[in-house]
Full PDB file with SEQRES, HELIX, SHEET, SSBOND, CRYST1, ORIGX, SCALE, CONECT and MASTER records, all heavy atoms in Angstrom:
SEQRES   1 A   31  PRO THR GLU PRO ALA ASN LEU LEU ALA ILE VAL GLY ALA          
SEQRES   2 A   31  TRP GLU PRO PRO ILE LEU GLN ASN GLU VAL ALA ARG ILE          
SEQRES   3 A   31  ILE ALA LEU ALA ALA                                          
HELIX    1 AA1 PRO A   17  LEU A   29  1                                  13    
CRYST1    1.000    1.000    1.000  90.00  90.00  90.00 P 1           1          
ORIGX1      1.000000  0.000000  0.000000        0.00000                         
ORIGX2      0.000000  1.000000  0.000000        0.00000                         
ORIGX3      0.000000  0.000000  1.000000        0.00000                         
SCALE1      1.000000  0.000000  0.000000        0.00000                         
SCALE2      0.000000  1.000000  0.000000        0.00000                         
SCALE3      0.000000  0.000000  1.000000        0.00000                         
ATOM      1  N   PRO A   1     147.486  55.598  98.436  1.00  0.00           N  
ATOM      2  CA  PRO A   1     148.139  54.370  98.918  1.00  0.00           C  
ATOM      3  C   PRO A   1     147.161  53.259  99.295  1.00  0.00           C  
ATOM      4  O   PRO A   1     147.519  52.084  99.263  1.00  0.00           O  
ATOM      5  CB  PRO A   1     148.928  54.851 100.148  1.00  0.00           C  
ATOM      6  CG  PRO A   1     149.202  56.295  99.860  1.00  0.00           C  
ATOM      7  CD  PRO A   1     147.981  56.792  99.144  1.00  0.00           C  
ATOM      8  N   THR A   2     145.924  53.613  99.637  1.00  0.00           N  
ATOM      9  CA  THR A   2     144.969  52.588 100.091  1.00  0.00           C  
ATOM     10  C   THR A   2     143.775  52.396  99.165  1.00  0.00           C  
ATOM     11  O   THR A   2     143.070  51.395  99.268  1.00  0.00           O  
ATOM     12  CB  THR A   2     144.447  52.938 101.495  1.00  0.00           C  
ATOM     13  OG1 THR A   2     143.837  54.245 101.455  1.00  0.00           O  
ATOM     14  CG2 THR A   2     145.576  52.928 102.513  1.00  0.00           C  
ATOM     15  N   GLU A   3     143.497  53.340  98.274  1.00  0.00           N  
ATOM     16  CA  GLU A   3     142.320  53.255  97.403  1.00  0.00           C  
ATOM     17  C   GLU A   3     142.702  53.483  95.941  1.00  0.00           C  
ATOM     18  O   GLU A   3     143.491  54.381  95.650  1.00  0.00           O  
ATOM     19  CB  GLU A   3     141.273  54.303  97.820  1.00  0.00           C  
ATOM     20  CG  GLU A   3     140.693  54.091  99.215  1.00  0.00           C  
ATOM     21  CD  GLU A   3     139.864  52.830  99.325  1.00  0.00           C  
ATOM     22  OE1 GLU A   3     139.334  52.378  98.283  1.00  0.00           O  
ATOM     23  OE2 GLU A   3     139.771  52.284 100.423  1.00  0.00           O  
ATOM     24  N   PRO A   4     142.142  52.675  95.011  1.00  0.00           N  
ATOM     25  CA  PRO A   4     141.339  51.480  95.271  1.00  0.00           C  
ATOM     26  C   PRO A   4     142.208  50.362  95.841  1.00  0.00           C  
ATOM     27  O   PRO A   4     143.377  50.223  95.469  1.00  0.00           O  
ATOM     28  CB  PRO A   4     140.803  51.095  93.896  1.00  0.00           C  
ATOM     29  CG  PRO A   4     141.113  52.209  92.974  1.00  0.00           C  
ATOM     30  CD  PRO A   4     142.254  52.955  93.560  1.00  0.00           C  
ATOM     31  N   ALA A   5     141.620  49.567  96.733  1.00  0.00           N  
ATOM     32  CA  ALA A   5     142.394  48.535  97.420  1.00  0.00           C  
ATOM     33  C   ALA A   5     142.783  47.400  96.488  1.00  0.00           C  
ATOM     34  O   ALA A   5     143.927  46.928  96.508  1.00  0.00           O  
ATOM     35  CB  ALA A   5     141.591  48.003  98.601  1.00  0.00           C  
ATOM     36  N   ASN A   6     141.844  46.943  95.669  1.00  0.00           N  
ATOM     37  CA  ASN A   6     142.105  45.846  94.728  1.00  0.00           C  
ATOM     38  C   ASN A   6     142.273  46.421  93.332  1.00  0.00           C  
ATOM     39  O   ASN A   6     141.291  46.774  92.681  1.00  0.00           O  
ATOM     40  CB  ASN A   6     140.950  44.835  94.748  1.00  0.00           C  
ATOM     41  CG  ASN A   6     140.851  44.120  96.082  1.00  0.00           C  
ATOM     42  OD1 ASN A   6     141.873  43.809  96.683  1.00  0.00           O  
ATOM     43  ND2 ASN A   6     139.639  43.876  96.545  1.00  0.00           N  
ATOM     44  N   LEU A   7     143.511  46.534  92.867  1.00  0.00           N  
ATOM     45  CA  LEU A   7     143.783  47.226  91.602  1.00  0.00           C  
ATOM     46  C   LEU A   7     144.832  46.478  90.788  1.00  0.00           C  
ATOM     47  O   LEU A   7     145.925  46.183  91.283  1.00  0.00           O  
ATOM     48  CB  LEU A   7     144.272  48.652  91.878  1.00  0.00           C  
ATOM     49  CG  LEU A   7     144.755  49.469  90.675  1.00  0.00           C  
ATOM     50  CD1 LEU A   7     143.645  49.639  89.646  1.00  0.00           C  
ATOM     51  CD2 LEU A   7     145.272  50.829  91.127  1.00  0.00           C  
ATOM     52  N   LEU A   8     144.489  46.182  89.546  1.00  0.00           N  
ATOM     53  CA  LEU A   8     145.432  45.637  88.575  1.00  0.00           C  
ATOM     54  C   LEU A   8     145.677  46.694  87.512  1.00  0.00           C  
ATOM     55  O   LEU A   8     144.734  47.193  86.889  1.00  0.00           O  
ATOM     56  CB  LEU A   8     144.869  44.369  87.926  1.00  0.00           C  
ATOM     57  CG  LEU A   8     145.645  43.807  86.722  1.00  0.00           C  
ATOM     58  CD1 LEU A   8     147.035  43.343  87.148  1.00  0.00           C  
ATOM     59  CD2 LEU A   8     144.868  42.663  86.072  1.00  0.00           C  
ATOM     60  N   ALA A   9     146.938  47.075  87.306  1.00  0.00           N  
ATOM     61  CA  ALA A   9     147.303  48.059  86.284  1.00  0.00           C  
ATOM     62  C   ALA A   9     148.099  47.365  85.187  1.00  0.00           C  
ATOM     63  O   ALA A   9     149.084  46.668  85.471  1.00  0.00           O  
ATOM     64  CB  ALA A   9     148.125  49.190  86.902  1.00  0.00           C  
ATOM     65  N   ILE A  10     147.675  47.543  83.942  1.00  0.00           N  
ATOM     66  CA  ILE A  10     148.302  46.884  82.792  1.00  0.00           C  
ATOM     67  C   ILE A  10     148.739  47.943  81.793  1.00  0.00           C  
ATOM     68  O   ILE A  10     148.027  48.920  81.545  1.00  0.00           O  
ATOM     69  CB  ILE A  10     147.321  45.902  82.110  1.00  0.00           C  
ATOM     70  CG1 ILE A  10     146.808  44.868  83.117  1.00  0.00           C  
ATOM     71  CG2 ILE A  10     147.982  45.216  80.926  1.00  0.00           C  
ATOM     72  CD1 ILE A  10     145.755  43.929  82.555  1.00  0.00           C  
ATOM     73  N   VAL A  11     149.898  47.739  81.188  1.00  0.00           N  
ATOM     74  CA  VAL A  11     150.405  48.652  80.167  1.00  0.00           C  
ATOM     75  C   VAL A  11     151.136  47.840  79.107  1.00  0.00           C  
ATOM     76  O   VAL A  11     151.700  46.775  79.397  1.00  0.00           O  
ATOM     77  CB  VAL A  11     151.343  49.713  80.794  1.00  0.00           C  
ATOM     78  CG1 VAL A  11     152.629  49.065  81.312  1.00  0.00           C  
ATOM     79  CG2 VAL A  11     151.659  50.831  79.812  1.00  0.00           C  
ATOM     80  N   GLY A  12     151.118  48.304  77.870  1.00  0.00           N  
ATOM     81  CA  GLY A  12     151.842  47.640  76.798  1.00  0.00           C  
ATOM     82  C   GLY A  12     153.318  47.987  76.823  1.00  0.00           C  
ATOM     83  O   GLY A  12     153.696  49.119  77.139  1.00  0.00           O  
ATOM     84  N   ALA A  13     154.154  47.029  76.472  1.00  0.00           N  
ATOM     85  CA  ALA A  13     155.606  47.260  76.497  1.00  0.00           C  
ATOM     86  C   ALA A  13     156.034  48.307  75.483  1.00  0.00           C  
ATOM     87  O   ALA A  13     157.107  48.902  75.627  1.00  0.00           O  
ATOM     88  CB  ALA A  13     156.342  45.944  76.228  1.00  0.00           C  
ATOM     89  N   TRP A  14     155.232  48.539  74.447  1.00  0.00           N  
ATOM     90  CA  TRP A  14     155.565  49.529  73.422  1.00  0.00           C  
ATOM     91  C   TRP A  14     154.831  50.852  73.621  1.00  0.00           C  
ATOM     92  O   TRP A  14     154.853  51.717  72.757  1.00  0.00           O  
ATOM     93  CB  TRP A  14     155.257  48.984  72.028  1.00  0.00           C  
ATOM     94  CG  TRP A  14     156.127  47.827  71.629  1.00  0.00           C  
ATOM     95  CD1 TRP A  14     157.227  47.347  72.291  1.00  0.00           C  
ATOM     96  CD2 TRP A  14     155.965  46.984  70.486  1.00  0.00           C  
ATOM     97  NE1 TRP A  14     157.765  46.283  71.637  1.00  0.00           N  
ATOM     98  CE2 TRP A  14     157.007  46.028  70.511  1.00  0.00           C  
ATOM     99  CE3 TRP A  14     155.047  46.942  69.441  1.00  0.00           C  
ATOM    100  CZ2 TRP A  14     157.149  45.047  69.534  1.00  0.00           C  
ATOM    101  CZ3 TRP A  14     155.176  45.966  68.468  1.00  0.00           C  
ATOM    102  CH2 TRP A  14     156.219  45.038  68.502  1.00  0.00           C  
ATOM    103  N   GLU A  15     154.177  51.000  74.755  1.00  0.00           N  
ATOM    104  CA  GLU A  15     153.500  52.265  75.036  1.00  0.00           C  
ATOM    105  C   GLU A  15     154.512  53.293  75.545  1.00  0.00           C  
ATOM    106  O   GLU A  15     155.634  52.943  75.957  1.00  0.00           O  
ATOM    107  CB  GLU A  15     152.384  52.045  76.049  1.00  0.00           C  
ATOM    108  CG  GLU A  15     151.252  51.170  75.525  1.00  0.00           C  
ATOM    109  CD  GLU A  15     149.965  51.374  76.280  1.00  0.00           C  
ATOM    110  OE1 GLU A  15     149.392  52.463  76.181  1.00  0.00           O  
ATOM    111  OE2 GLU A  15     149.525  50.422  76.953  1.00  0.00           O  
ATOM    112  N   PRO A  16     154.138  54.587  75.554  1.00  0.00           N  
ATOM    113  CA  PRO A  16     155.073  55.627  76.003  1.00  0.00           C  
ATOM    114  C   PRO A  16     155.571  55.370  77.421  1.00  0.00           C  
ATOM    115  O   PRO A  16     154.826  54.845  78.263  1.00  0.00           O  
ATOM    116  CB  PRO A  16     154.221  56.908  75.935  1.00  0.00           C  
ATOM    117  CG  PRO A  16     153.163  56.608  74.936  1.00  0.00           C  
ATOM    118  CD  PRO A  16     152.876  55.143  75.085  1.00  0.00           C  
ATOM    119  N   PRO A  17     156.824  55.736  77.706  1.00  0.00           N  
ATOM    120  CA  PRO A  17     157.387  55.514  79.052  1.00  0.00           C  
ATOM    121  C   PRO A  17     156.552  56.135  80.165  1.00  0.00           C  
ATOM    122  O   PRO A  17     156.510  55.606  81.276  1.00  0.00           O  
ATOM    123  CB  PRO A  17     158.768  56.177  78.963  1.00  0.00           C  
ATOM    124  CG  PRO A  17     159.115  56.120  77.504  1.00  0.00           C  
ATOM    125  CD  PRO A  17     157.822  56.273  76.765  1.00  0.00           C  
ATOM    126  N   ILE A  18     155.860  57.235  79.864  1.00  0.00           N  
ATOM    127  CA  ILE A  18     155.070  57.897  80.905  1.00  0.00           C  
ATOM    128  C   ILE A  18     153.973  56.967  81.432  1.00  0.00           C  
ATOM    129  O   ILE A  18     153.664  56.965  82.623  1.00  0.00           O  
ATOM    130  CB  ILE A  18     154.479  59.225  80.373  1.00  0.00           C  
ATOM    131  CG1 ILE A  18     153.828  59.996  81.529  1.00  0.00           C  
ATOM    132  CG2 ILE A  18     153.480  58.972  79.251  1.00  0.00           C  
ATOM    133  CD1 ILE A  18     153.385  61.391  81.131  1.00  0.00           C  
ATOM    134  N   LEU A  19     153.393  56.139  80.541  1.00  0.00           N  
ATOM    135  CA  LEU A  19     152.359  55.199  80.977  1.00  0.00           C  
ATOM    136  C   LEU A  19     152.969  54.013  81.724  1.00  0.00           C  
ATOM    137  O   LEU A  19     152.388  53.516  82.695  1.00  0.00           O  
ATOM    138  CB  LEU A  19     151.554  54.704  79.774  1.00  0.00           C  
ATOM    139  CG  LEU A  19     150.676  55.737  79.066  1.00  0.00           C  
ATOM    140  CD1 LEU A  19     149.950  55.109  77.883  1.00  0.00           C  
ATOM    141  CD2 LEU A  19     149.667  56.354  80.033  1.00  0.00           C  
ATOM    142  N   GLN A  20     154.140  53.562  81.280  1.00  0.00           N  
ATOM    143  CA  GLN A  20     154.807  52.465  81.987  1.00  0.00           C  
ATOM    144  C   GLN A  20     155.259  52.909  83.372  1.00  0.00           C  
ATOM    145  O   GLN A  20     155.149  52.152  84.350  1.00  0.00           O  
ATOM    146  CB  GLN A  20     155.987  51.974  81.158  1.00  0.00           C  
ATOM    147  CG  GLN A  20     155.579  51.423  79.795  1.00  0.00           C  
ATOM    148  CD  GLN A  20     156.731  50.775  79.064  1.00  0.00           C  
ATOM    149  OE1 GLN A  20     157.545  50.079  79.646  1.00  0.00           O  
ATOM    150  NE2 GLN A  20     156.798  50.996  77.760  1.00  0.00           N  
ATOM    151  N   ASN A  21     155.751  54.138  83.465  1.00  0.00           N  
ATOM    152  CA  ASN A  21     156.172  54.661  84.770  1.00  0.00           C  
ATOM    153  C   ASN A  21     154.980  54.813  85.716  1.00  0.00           C  
ATOM    154  O   ASN A  21     155.122  54.674  86.941  1.00  0.00           O  
ATOM    155  CB  ASN A  21     156.871  56.006  84.591  1.00  0.00           C  
ATOM    156  CG  ASN A  21     158.185  55.880  83.857  1.00  0.00           C  
ATOM    157  OD1 ASN A  21     158.785  54.808  83.808  1.00  0.00           O  
ATOM    158  ND2 ASN A  21     158.643  56.974  83.253  1.00  0.00           N  
ATOM    159  N   GLU A  22     153.811  55.107  85.147  1.00  0.00           N  
ATOM    160  CA  GLU A  22     152.623  55.273  85.989  1.00  0.00           C  
ATOM    161  C   GLU A  22     152.237  53.958  86.664  1.00  0.00           C  
ATOM    162  O   GLU A  22     151.835  53.947  87.833  1.00  0.00           O  
ATOM    163  CB  GLU A  22     151.464  55.802  85.141  1.00  0.00           C  
ATOM    164  CG  GLU A  22     150.205  56.124  85.912  1.00  0.00           C  
ATOM    165  CD  GLU A  22     150.344  57.336  86.829  1.00  0.00           C  
ATOM    166  OE1 GLU A  22     151.446  57.923  86.909  1.00  0.00           O  
ATOM    167  OE2 GLU A  22     149.343  57.677  87.488  1.00  0.00           O  
ATOM    168  N   VAL A  23     152.357  52.846  85.928  1.00  0.00           N  
ATOM    169  CA  VAL A  23     152.070  51.545  86.528  1.00  0.00           C  
ATOM    170  C   VAL A  23     153.026  51.273  87.688  1.00  0.00           C  
ATOM    171  O   VAL A  23     152.600  50.843  88.774  1.00  0.00           O  
ATOM    172  CB  VAL A  23     152.172  50.427  85.467  1.00  0.00           C  
ATOM    173  CG1 VAL A  23     152.113  49.053  86.130  1.00  0.00           C  
ATOM    174  CG2 VAL A  23     151.055  50.561  84.448  1.00  0.00           C  
ATOM    175  N   ALA A  24     154.312  51.552  87.458  1.00  0.00           N  
ATOM    176  CA  ALA A  24     155.301  51.345  88.536  1.00  0.00           C  
ATOM    177  C   ALA A  24     154.989  52.232  89.739  1.00  0.00           C  
ATOM    178  O   ALA A  24     155.112  51.794  90.900  1.00  0.00           O  
ATOM    179  CB  ALA A  24     156.702  51.634  88.002  1.00  0.00           C  
ATOM    180  N   ARG A  25     154.560  53.466  89.490  1.00  0.00           N  
ATOM    181  CA  ARG A  25     154.242  54.388  90.589  1.00  0.00           C  
ATOM    182  C   ARG A  25     153.048  53.894  91.396  1.00  0.00           C  
ATOM    183  O   ARG A  25     153.058  53.933  92.638  1.00  0.00           O  
ATOM    184  CB  ARG A  25     153.937  55.778  90.031  1.00  0.00           C  
ATOM    185  CG  ARG A  25     153.721  56.847  91.109  1.00  0.00           C  
ATOM    186  CD  ARG A  25     153.207  58.146  90.498  1.00  0.00           C  
ATOM    187  NE  ARG A  25     151.824  58.025  90.048  1.00  0.00           N  
ATOM    188  CZ  ARG A  25     150.765  58.150  90.847  1.00  0.00           C  
ATOM    189  NH1 ARG A  25     150.933  58.387  92.144  1.00  0.00           N  
ATOM    190  NH2 ARG A  25     149.549  58.037  90.365  1.00  0.00           N  
ATOM    191  N   ILE A  26     152.003  53.420  90.697  1.00  0.00           N  
ATOM    192  CA  ILE A  26     150.797  52.944  91.380  1.00  0.00           C  
ATOM    193  C   ILE A  26     151.130  51.764  92.293  1.00  0.00           C  
ATOM    194  O   ILE A  26     150.653  51.686  93.430  1.00  0.00           O  
ATOM    195  CB  ILE A  26     149.730  52.534  90.341  1.00  0.00           C  
ATOM    196  CG1 ILE A  26     149.193  53.775  89.621  1.00  0.00           C  
ATOM    197  CG2 ILE A  26     148.588  51.776  91.007  1.00  0.00           C  
ATOM    198  CD1 ILE A  26     148.304  53.439  88.446  1.00  0.00           C  
ATOM    199  N   ILE A  27     151.964  50.857  91.807  1.00  0.00           N  
ATOM    200  CA  ILE A  27     152.313  49.674  92.607  1.00  0.00           C  
ATOM    201  C   ILE A  27     153.197  50.067  93.783  1.00  0.00           C  
ATOM    202  O   ILE A  27     152.999  49.608  94.919  1.00  0.00           O  
ATOM    203  CB  ILE A  27     153.018  48.615  91.734  1.00  0.00           C  
ATOM    204  CG1 ILE A  27     152.131  48.230  90.538  1.00  0.00           C  
ATOM    205  CG2 ILE A  27     153.369  47.394  92.560  1.00  0.00           C  
ATOM    206  CD1 ILE A  27     150.737  47.789  90.906  1.00  0.00           C  
ATOM    207  N   ALA A  28     154.171  50.933  93.543  1.00  0.00           N  
ATOM    208  CA  ALA A  28     155.076  51.356  94.625  1.00  0.00           C  
ATOM    209  C   ALA A  28     154.334  52.153  95.695  1.00  0.00           C  
ATOM    210  O   ALA A  28     154.727  52.168  96.868  1.00  0.00           O  
ATOM    211  CB  ALA A  28     156.210  52.192  94.048  1.00  0.00           C  
ATOM    212  N   LEU A  29     153.252  52.822  95.312  1.00  0.00           N  
ATOM    213  CA  LEU A  29     152.488  53.670  96.226  1.00  0.00           C  
ATOM    214  C   LEU A  29     151.658  52.864  97.217  1.00  0.00           C  
ATOM    215  O   LEU A  29     151.254  53.373  98.262  1.00  0.00           O  
ATOM    216  CB  LEU A  29     151.558  54.566  95.397  1.00  0.00           C  
ATOM    217  CG  LEU A  29     150.749  55.660  96.098  1.00  0.00           C  
ATOM    218  CD1 LEU A  29     151.675  56.726  96.676  1.00  0.00           C  
ATOM    219  CD2 LEU A  29     149.754  56.289  95.120  1.00  0.00           C  
ATOM    220  N   ALA A  30     151.401  51.597  96.905  1.00  0.00           N  
ATOM    221  CA  ALA A  30     150.453  50.793  97.678  1.00  0.00           C  
ATOM    222  C   ALA A  30     150.863  50.653  99.143  1.00  0.00           C  
ATOM    223  O   ALA A  30     152.024  50.381  99.462  1.00  0.00           O  
ATOM    224  CB  ALA A  30     150.310  49.412  97.046  1.00  0.00           C  
ATOM    225  N   ALA A  31     149.877  50.843 100.024  1.00  0.00           N  
ATOM    226  CA  ALA A  31     150.105  50.671 101.459  1.00  0.00           C  
ATOM    227  C   ALA A  31     149.915  49.206 101.830  1.00  0.00           C  
ATOM    228  O   ALA A  31     149.251  48.455 101.109  1.00  0.00           O  
ATOM    229  CB  ALA A  31     149.129  51.547 102.236  1.00  0.00           C  
TER     230      ALA A  31                                                      
MASTER        0    0    0    1    0    0    0    6  229    1    0    3          
END                                                                             
């Protein structure tokens, strides 16, 4: 939730859902 503090996660719209879900998880996890 706190590390890395400054993080930009990018994914392609045509990439597998597992990678798109990972970006959403990383952002939702942020403290």
